Each structure stands twice: as C-alpha cells, then as structure tokens.
C-alpha cells in the first residue's frame, strides 16, 4: 500500500464526514434548537430588567 491509497481513503472518509455534518445541520429535528440558539441574543434576562428599574 502506498501513499496514494491512503490519500484516497482519507478523502473518502472526509467526504462522508462532510455529508453527515450537512445532513445533521439540515435535519428537521434540529430546527427548533437552531431557532432557539439564533434568538438568544435578543432574549432579555429578568435580572437585567430589575437592575435598570
């Protein structure tokens, strides 16, 4: 086995990992978690609102 074979194996493994990451990112089950994470900067903390009163 030479370096070309190992290079091909690594390329295939990384491609499979890439496909799995893309599948995970666009899976319907993750939509709510991603939406919640996207809205975190806009959520007000109850402690912060009490301090300004």
PDB file of N, CA and C in Angstrom:
ATOM      1  N   UNK A   1       0.844  -1.176   0.000  1.00  0.00           N
ATOM      2  CA  UNK A   1       0.000   0.000   0.000  1.00  0.00           C
ATOM      3  C   UNK A   1       0.885   1.234   0.000  1.00  0.00           C
ATOM      4  N   UNK A   2       0.544   2.146  -0.856  1.00  0.00           N
ATOM      5  CA  UNK A   2       1.355   3.345  -0.980  1.00  0.00           C
ATOM      6  C   UNK A   2       0.589   4.579  -0.516  1.00  0.00           C
ATOM      7  N   UNK A   3       1.213   5.722  -0.631  1.00  0.00           N
ATOM      8  CA  UNK A   3       0.627   6.971  -0.161  1.00  0.00           C
ATOM      9  C   UNK A   3      -0.626   7.337  -0.944  1.00  0.00           C
ATOM     10  N   UNK A   4      -0.699   6.963  -2.193  1.00  0.00           N
ATOM     11  CA  UNK A   4      -1.887   7.259  -2.999  1.00  0.00           C
ATOM     12  C   UNK A   4      -3.125   6.566  -2.461  1.00  0.00           C
ATOM     13  N   UNK A   5      -2.959   5.350  -1.994  1.00  0.00           N
ATOM     14  CA  UNK A   5      -4.087   4.611  -1.422  1.00  0.00           C
ATOM     15  C   UNK A   5      -4.571   5.288  -0.139  1.00  0.00           C
ATOM     16  N   UNK A   6      -3.635   5.654   0.737  1.00  0.00           N
ATOM     17  CA  UNK A   6      -4.014   6.318   1.984  1.00  0.00           C
ATOM     18  C   UNK A   6      -4.670   7.668   1.715  1.00  0.00           C
ATOM     19  N   UNK A   7      -4.187   8.358   0.727  1.00  0.00           N
ATOM     20  CA  UNK A   7      -4.783   9.630   0.360  1.00  0.00           C
ATOM     21  C   UNK A   7      -6.216   9.447  -0.118  1.00  0.00           C
ATOM     22  N   UNK A   8      -6.459   8.409  -0.887  1.00  0.00           N
ATOM     23  CA  UNK A   8      -7.823   8.128  -1.362  1.00  0.00           C
ATOM     24  C   UNK A   8      -8.745   7.765  -0.204  1.00  0.00           C
ATOM     25  N   UNK A   9      -8.255   6.970   0.721  1.00  0.00           N
ATOM     26  CA  UNK A   9      -9.070   6.571   1.871  1.00  0.00           C
ATOM     27  C   UNK A   9      -9.418   7.787   2.723  1.00  0.00           C
ATOM     28  N   UNK A  10      -8.443   8.644   2.972  1.00  0.00           N
ATOM     29  CA  UNK A  10      -8.691   9.846   3.771  1.00  0.00           C
ATOM     30  C   UNK A  10      -9.685  10.760   3.069  1.00  0.00           C
ATOM     31  N   UNK A  11      -9.585  10.897   1.770  1.00  0.00           N
ATOM     32  CA  UNK A  11     -10.523  11.730   1.014  1.00  0.00           C
ATOM     33  C   UNK A  11     -11.944  11.192   1.132  1.00  0.00           C
ATOM     34  N   UNK A  12     -12.117   9.905   1.012  1.00  0.00           N
ATOM     35  CA  UNK A  12     -13.444   9.299   1.125  1.00  0.00           C
ATOM     36  C   UNK A  12     -13.994   9.475   2.537  1.00  0.00           C
ATOM     37  N   UNK A  13     -13.159   9.283   3.540  1.00  0.00           N
ATOM     38  CA  UNK A  13     -13.609   9.438   4.930  1.00  0.00           C
ATOM     39  C   UNK A  13     -14.036  10.875   5.198  1.00  0.00           C
ATOM     40  N   UNK A  14     -13.252  11.845   4.756  1.00  0.00           N
ATOM     41  CA  UNK A  14     -13.625  13.242   4.960  1.00  0.00           C
ATOM     42  C   UNK A  14     -14.892  13.617   4.185  1.00  0.00           C
ATOM     43  N   UNK A  15     -15.090  13.056   3.018  1.00  0.00           N
ATOM     44  CA  UNK A  15     -16.314  13.317   2.270  1.00  0.00           C
ATOM     45  C   UNK A  15     -17.525  12.770   3.020  1.00  0.00           C
ATOM     46  N   UNK A  16     -17.398  11.583   3.584  1.00  0.00           N
ATOM     47  CA  UNK A  16     -18.503  11.000   4.353  1.00  0.00           C
ATOM     48  C   UNK A  16     -18.794  11.845   5.590  1.00  0.00           C
ATOM     49  N   UNK A  17     -17.750  12.307   6.263  1.00  0.00           N
ATOM     50  CA  UNK A  17     -17.938  13.169   7.428  1.00  0.00           C
ATOM     51  C   UNK A  17     -18.628  14.465   7.019  1.00  0.00           C
ATOM     52  N   UNK A  18     -18.234  15.039   5.905  1.00  0.00           N
ATOM     53  CA  UNK A  18     -18.867  16.263   5.412  1.00  0.00           C
ATOM     54  C   UNK A  18     -20.350  16.045   5.131  1.00  0.00           C
ATOM     55  N   UNK A  19     -20.688  14.944   4.478  1.00  0.00           N
ATOM     56  CA  UNK A  19     -22.092  14.647   4.183  1.00  0.00           C
ATOM     57  C   UNK A  19     -22.881  14.479   5.473  1.00  0.00           C
ATOM     58  N   UNK A  20     -22.314  13.826   6.467  1.00  0.00           N
ATOM     59  CA  UNK A  20     -23.004  13.645   7.743  1.00  0.00           C
ATOM     60  C   UNK A  20     -23.220  14.969   8.468  1.00  0.00           C
ATOM     61  N   UNK A  21     -22.246  15.862   8.404  1.00  0.00           N
ATOM     62  CA  UNK A  21     -22.405  17.179   9.033  1.00  0.00           C
ATOM     63  C   UNK A  21     -23.508  17.979   8.334  1.00  0.00           C
ATOM     64  N   UNK A  22     -23.524  17.942   7.018  1.00  0.00           N
ATOM     65  CA  UNK A  22     -24.575  18.657   6.275  1.00  0.00           C
ATOM     66  C   UNK A  22     -25.940  18.056   6.589  1.00  0.00           C
ATOM     67  N   UNK A  23     -26.018  16.730   6.648  1.00  0.00           N
ATOM     68  CA  UNK A  23     -27.294  16.079   6.990  1.00  0.00           C
ATOM     69  C   UNK A  23     -27.744  16.510   8.377  1.00  0.00           C
ATOM     70  N   UNK A  24     -26.825  16.537   9.359  1.00  0.00           N
ATOM     71  CA  UNK A  24     -27.167  16.925  10.712  1.00  0.00           C
ATOM     72  C   UNK A  24     -27.650  18.379  10.762  1.00  0.00           C
ATOM     73  N   UNK A  25     -26.994  19.254  10.016  1.00  0.00           N
ATOM     74  CA  UNK A  25     -27.341  20.674  10.053  1.00  0.00           C
ATOM     75  C   UNK A  25     -28.723  20.940   9.460  1.00  0.00           C
ATOM     76  N   UNK A  26     -29.119  20.160   8.472  1.00  0.00           N
ATOM     77  CA  UNK A  26     -30.399  20.396   7.814  1.00  0.00           C
ATOM     78  C   UNK A  26     -31.484  19.418   8.247  1.00  0.00           C
ATOM     79  N   UNK A  27     -31.224  18.604   9.250  1.00  0.00           N
ATOM     80  CA  UNK A  27     -32.214  17.652   9.738  1.00  0.00           C
ATOM     81  C   UNK A  27     -33.354  18.402  10.412  1.00  0.00           C
ATOM     82  N   UNK A  28     -34.589  17.981  10.174  1.00  0.00           N
ATOM     83  CA  UNK A  28     -35.749  18.687  10.709  1.00  0.00           C
ATOM     84  C   UNK A  28     -35.768  18.725  12.231  1.00  0.00           C
ATOM     85  N   UNK A  29     -35.249  17.709  12.861  1.00  0.00           N
ATOM     86  CA  UNK A  29     -35.262  17.651  14.313  1.00  0.00           C
ATOM     87  C   UNK A  29     -34.431  18.728  14.974  1.00  0.00           C
ATOM     88  N   UNK A  30     -33.497  19.319  14.267  1.00  0.00           N
ATOM     89  CA  UNK A  30     -32.623  20.344  14.836  1.00  0.00           C
ATOM     90  C   UNK A  30     -33.140  21.753  14.609  1.00  0.00           C
ATOM     91  N   UNK A  31     -34.196  21.926  13.851  1.00  0.00           N
ATOM     92  CA  UNK A  31     -34.665  23.266  13.506  1.00  0.00           C
ATOM     93  C   UNK A  31     -35.015  24.086  14.746  1.00  0.00           C
ATOM     94  N   UNK A  32     -35.750  23.505  15.671  1.00  0.00           N
ATOM     95  CA  UNK A  32     -36.155  24.247  16.862  1.00  0.00           C
ATOM     96  C   UNK A  32     -34.946  24.627  17.718  1.00  0.00           C
ATOM     97  N   UNK A  33     -33.988  23.731  17.841  1.00  0.00           N
ATOM     98  CA  UNK A  33     -32.776  24.047  18.622  1.00  0.00           C
ATOM     99  C   UNK A  33     -32.000  25.187  17.975  1.00  0.00           C
ATOM    100  N   UNK A  34     -31.883  25.168  16.660  1.00  0.00           N
ATOM    101  CA  UNK A  34     -31.150  26.223  15.970  1.00  0.00           C
ATOM    102  C   UNK A  34     -31.894  27.548  16.038  1.00  0.00           C
ATOM    103  N   UNK A  35     -33.228  27.512  15.938  1.00  0.00           N
ATOM    104  CA  UNK A  35     -34.014  28.742  16.063  1.00  0.00           C
ATOM    105  C   UNK A  35     -33.875  29.335  17.462  1.00  0.00           C
ATOM    106  N   UNK A  36     -33.907  28.481  18.482  1.00  0.00           N
ATOM    107  CA  UNK A  36     -33.734  28.969  19.851  1.00  0.00           C
ATOM    108  C   UNK A  36     -32.342  29.584  20.041  1.00  0.00           C
ATOM    109  N   UNK A  37     -31.323  28.942  19.516  1.00  0.00           N
ATOM    110  CA  UNK A  37     -29.965  29.463  19.639  1.00  0.00           C
ATOM    111  C   UNK A  37     -29.815  30.785  18.880  1.00  0.00           C
ATOM    112  N   UNK A  38     -30.494  30.918  17.753  1.00  0.00           N
ATOM    113  CA  UNK A  38     -30.395  32.150  16.965  1.00  0.00           C
ATOM    114  C   UNK A  38     -31.050  33.321  17.687  1.00  0.00           C
ATOM    115  N   UNK A  39     -32.045  33.064  18.514  1.00  0.00           N
ATOM    116  CA  UNK A  39     -32.753  34.137  19.208  1.00  0.00           C
ATOM    117  C   UNK A  39     -32.172  34.458  20.577  1.00  0.00           C
ATOM    118  N   UNK A  40     -31.139  33.765  21.012  1.00  0.00           N
ATOM    119  CA  UNK A  40     -30.540  34.027  22.318  1.00  0.00           C
ATOM    120  C   UNK A  40     -30.080  35.476  22.507  1.00  0.00           C
ATOM    121  N   UNK A  41     -29.454  36.110  21.526  1.00  0.00           N
ATOM    122  CA  UNK A  41     -29.006  37.493  21.755  1.00  0.00           C
ATOM    123  C   UNK A  41     -30.157  38.478  21.962  1.00  0.00           C
ATOM    124  N   UNK A  42     -31.348  38.137  21.528  1.00  0.00           N
ATOM    125  CA  UNK A  42     -32.480  39.054  21.619  1.00  0.00           C
ATOM    126  C   UNK A  42     -33.327  38.831  22.866  1.00  0.00           C
ATOM    127  N   UNK A  43     -33.024  37.779  23.612  1.00  0.00           N
ATOM    128  CA  UNK A  43     -33.799  37.479  24.807  1.00  0.00           C
ATOM    129  C   UNK A  43     -33.318  38.359  25.950  1.00  0.00           C
ATOM    130  N   UNK A  44     -34.255  38.891  26.730  1.00  0.00           N
ATOM    131  CA  UNK A  44     -33.900  39.737  27.860  1.00  0.00           C
ATOM    132  C   UNK A  44     -33.795  38.884  29.116  1.00  0.00           C
ATOM    133  N   UNK A  45     -32.806  39.182  29.921  1.00  0.00           N
ATOM    134  CA  UNK A  45     -32.658  38.486  31.188  1.00  0.00           C
ATOM    135  C   UNK A  45     -33.503  39.192  32.242  1.00  0.00           C
ATOM    136  N   UNK A  46     -34.241  38.448  33.054  1.00  0.00           N
ATOM    137  CA  UNK A  46     -35.045  39.095  34.101  1.00  0.00           C
ATOM    138  C   UNK A  46     -34.187  39.869  35.093  1.00  0.00           C
ATOM    139  N   UNK A  47     -32.958  39.413  35.361  1.00  0.00           N
ATOM    140  CA  UNK A  47     -32.084  40.129  36.283  1.00  0.00           C
ATOM    141  C   UNK A  47     -31.682  41.487  35.746  1.00  0.00           C
ATOM    142  N   UNK A  48     -31.444  41.581  34.446  1.00  0.00           N
ATOM    143  CA  UNK A  48     -31.045  42.857  33.849  1.00  0.00           C
ATOM    144  C   UNK A  48     -32.165  43.867  33.885  1.00  0.00           C
ATOM    145  N   UNK A  49     -33.407  43.445  33.717  1.00  0.00           N
ATOM    146  CA  UNK A  49     -34.516  44.388  33.719  1.00  0.00           C
ATOM    147  C   UNK A  49     -34.790  44.896  35.116  1.00  0.00           C
ATOM    148  N   UNK A  50     -34.551  44.100  36.150  1.00  0.00           N
ATOM    149  CA  UNK A  50     -34.770  44.556  37.529  1.00  0.00           C
ATOM    150  C   UNK A  50     -33.717  45.581  37.940  1.00  0.00           C
ATOM    151  N   UNK A  51     -32.500  45.462  37.454  1.00  0.00           N
ATOM    152  CA  UNK A  51     -31.443  46.391  37.837  1.00  0.00           C
ATOM    153  C   UNK A  51     -31.664  47.792  37.288  1.00  0.00           C
ATOM    154  N   UNK A  52     -32.302  47.887  36.116  1.00  0.00           N
ATOM    155  CA  UNK A  52     -32.468  49.197  35.494  1.00  0.00           C
ATOM    156  C   UNK A  52     -33.683  49.949  36.024  1.00  0.00           C
ATOM    157  N   UNK A  53     -34.503  49.295  36.844  1.00  0.00           N
ATOM    158  CA  UNK A  53     -35.703  49.971  37.362  1.00  0.00           C
ATOM    159  C   UNK A  53     -35.419  50.797  38.566  1.00  0.00           C
TER     160      UNK A  53
END
